[in-house]
Amino acid sequence: MPLYRQSQMSDREGIDLDRSTLADWVGKSTALLEPLADAVARHVLKGQALFADDTPVVSTLISHRG
């Protein structure tokens, strides 16, 4: 959910949370969780096989052929 919407939701509950505060929290959380993400990646890459979901995803990119 976008940060501006989270900020609006908190405002409706009477809690003043600026988007900049939420963005700071996201940035700090990212830095704190990076070692965990690295450990998960190492664990996954140690396996003999890597399985992935091949469900098609519709792309919104517009091809500019000319």
C-alpha atoms as a PDB file:
ATOM      1  CA  MET A   1       0.000   0.000   0.000  1.00  0.00           C
ATOM      2  CA  PRO A   2       1.431   3.387  -0.929  1.00  0.00           C
ATOM      3  CA  LEU A   3       2.776   5.484   1.914  1.00  0.00           C
ATOM      4  CA  TYR A   4       0.459   8.402   1.160  1.00  0.00           C
ATOM      5  CA  ARG A   5      -2.533   6.097   1.706  1.00  0.00           C
ATOM      6  CA  GLN A   6      -1.097   4.789   4.965  1.00  0.00           C
ATOM      7  CA  SER A   7      -0.589   8.377   6.086  1.00  0.00           C
ATOM      8  CA  GLN A   8      -4.202   9.222   5.200  1.00  0.00           C
ATOM      9  CA  MET A   9      -5.460   6.186   7.119  1.00  0.00           C
ATOM     10  CA  SER A  10      -3.508   7.189  10.210  1.00  0.00           C
ATOM     11  CA  ASP A  11      -4.886  10.744   9.916  1.00  0.00           C
ATOM     12  CA  ARG A  12      -8.446   9.378   9.978  1.00  0.00           C
ATOM     13  CA  GLU A  13      -7.584   7.607  13.230  1.00  0.00           C
ATOM     14  CA  GLY A  14      -6.197  10.820  14.721  1.00  0.00           C
ATOM     15  CA  ILE A  15      -2.553   9.772  14.377  1.00  0.00           C
ATOM     16  CA  ASP A  16      -0.201  12.245  12.703  1.00  0.00           C
ATOM     17  CA  LEU A  17       2.236  10.219  10.564  1.00  0.00           C
ATOM     18  CA  ASP A  18       3.875  12.093   7.727  1.00  0.00           C
ATOM     19  CA  ARG A  19       4.910  10.246   4.588  1.00  0.00           C
ATOM     20  CA  SER A  20       8.501  11.266   5.261  1.00  0.00           C
ATOM     21  CA  THR A  21       8.389   9.458   8.615  1.00  0.00           C
ATOM     22  CA  LEU A  22       6.954   6.341   6.983  1.00  0.00           C
ATOM     23  CA  ALA A  23       9.616   6.541   4.249  1.00  0.00           C
ATOM     24  CA  ASP A  24      12.340   6.751   6.902  1.00  0.00           C
ATOM     25  CA  TRP A  25      10.923   3.655   8.598  1.00  0.00           C
ATOM     26  CA  VAL A  26      10.839   1.772   5.295  1.00  0.00           C
ATOM     27  CA  GLY A  27      14.456   2.706   4.594  1.00  0.00           C
ATOM     28  CA  LYS A  28      15.638   1.677   8.052  1.00  0.00           C
ATOM     29  CA  SER A  29      13.681  -1.583   7.874  1.00  0.00           C
ATOM     30  CA  THR A  30      15.266  -2.341   4.504  1.00  0.00           C
ATOM     31  CA  ALA A  31      18.736  -1.894   5.946  1.00  0.00           C
ATOM     32  CA  LEU A  32      17.922  -4.033   8.989  1.00  0.00           C
ATOM     33  CA  LEU A  33      16.385  -6.833   6.901  1.00  0.00           C
ATOM     34  CA  GLU A  34      19.155  -6.979   4.287  1.00  0.00           C
ATOM     35  CA  PRO A  35      21.203  -9.593   6.215  1.00  0.00           C
ATOM     36  CA  LEU A  36      18.107 -11.801   6.412  1.00  0.00           C
ATOM     37  CA  ALA A  37      17.458 -11.468   2.669  1.00  0.00           C
ATOM     38  CA  ASP A  38      21.103 -12.340   1.981  1.00  0.00           C
ATOM     39  CA  ALA A  39      20.857 -15.434   4.207  1.00  0.00           C
ATOM     40  CA  VAL A  40      17.682 -16.575   2.429  1.00  0.00           C
ATOM     41  CA  ALA A  41      19.363 -16.094  -0.964  1.00  0.00           C
ATOM     42  CA  ARG A  42      22.402 -18.130   0.132  1.00  0.00           C
ATOM     43  CA  HIS A  43      20.138 -20.907   1.406  1.00  0.00           C
ATOM     44  CA  VAL A  44      18.077 -21.001  -1.802  1.00  0.00           C
ATOM     45  CA  LEU A  45      21.154 -21.014  -4.032  1.00  0.00           C
ATOM     46  CA  LYS A  46      22.666 -23.972  -2.131  1.00  0.00           C
ATOM     47  CA  GLY A  47      19.863 -26.239  -3.374  1.00  0.00           C
ATOM     48  CA  GLN A  48      20.229 -28.613  -6.290  1.00  0.00           C
ATOM     49  CA  ALA A  49      17.305 -27.058  -8.147  1.00  0.00           C
ATOM     50  CA  LEU A  50      15.515 -23.753  -8.115  1.00  0.00           C
ATOM     51  CA  PHE A  51      11.796 -23.801  -8.800  1.00  0.00           C
ATOM     52  CA  ALA A  52       9.908 -20.758  -9.998  1.00  0.00           C
ATOM     53  CA  ASP A  53       6.331 -19.874 -10.788  1.00  0.00           C
ATOM     54  CA  ASP A  54       5.906 -19.427 -14.533  1.00  0.00           C
ATOM     55  CA  THR A  55       2.463 -17.862 -14.375  1.00  0.00           C
ATOM     56  CA  PRO A  56       2.219 -15.318 -17.188  1.00  0.00           C
ATOM     57  CA  VAL A  57       2.113 -11.671 -16.167  1.00  0.00           C
ATOM     58  CA  VAL A  58       0.514  -9.023 -18.333  1.00  0.00           C
ATOM     59  CA  SER A  59       2.987  -6.281 -19.095  1.00  0.00           C
ATOM     60  CA  THR A  60       1.946  -2.660 -19.265  1.00  0.00           C
ATOM     61  CA  LEU A  61       4.972  -1.701 -21.354  1.00  0.00           C
ATOM     62  CA  ILE A  62       4.153  -0.295 -24.756  1.00  0.00           C
ATOM     63  CA  SER A  63       6.396  -1.409 -27.559  1.00  0.00           C
ATOM     64  CA  HIS A  64       7.649   1.434 -29.766  1.00  0.00           C
ATOM     65  CA  ARG A  65       8.418  -0.228 -33.065  1.00  0.00           C
ATOM     66  CA  GLY A  66       9.257   1.887 -35.998  1.00  0.00           C
END
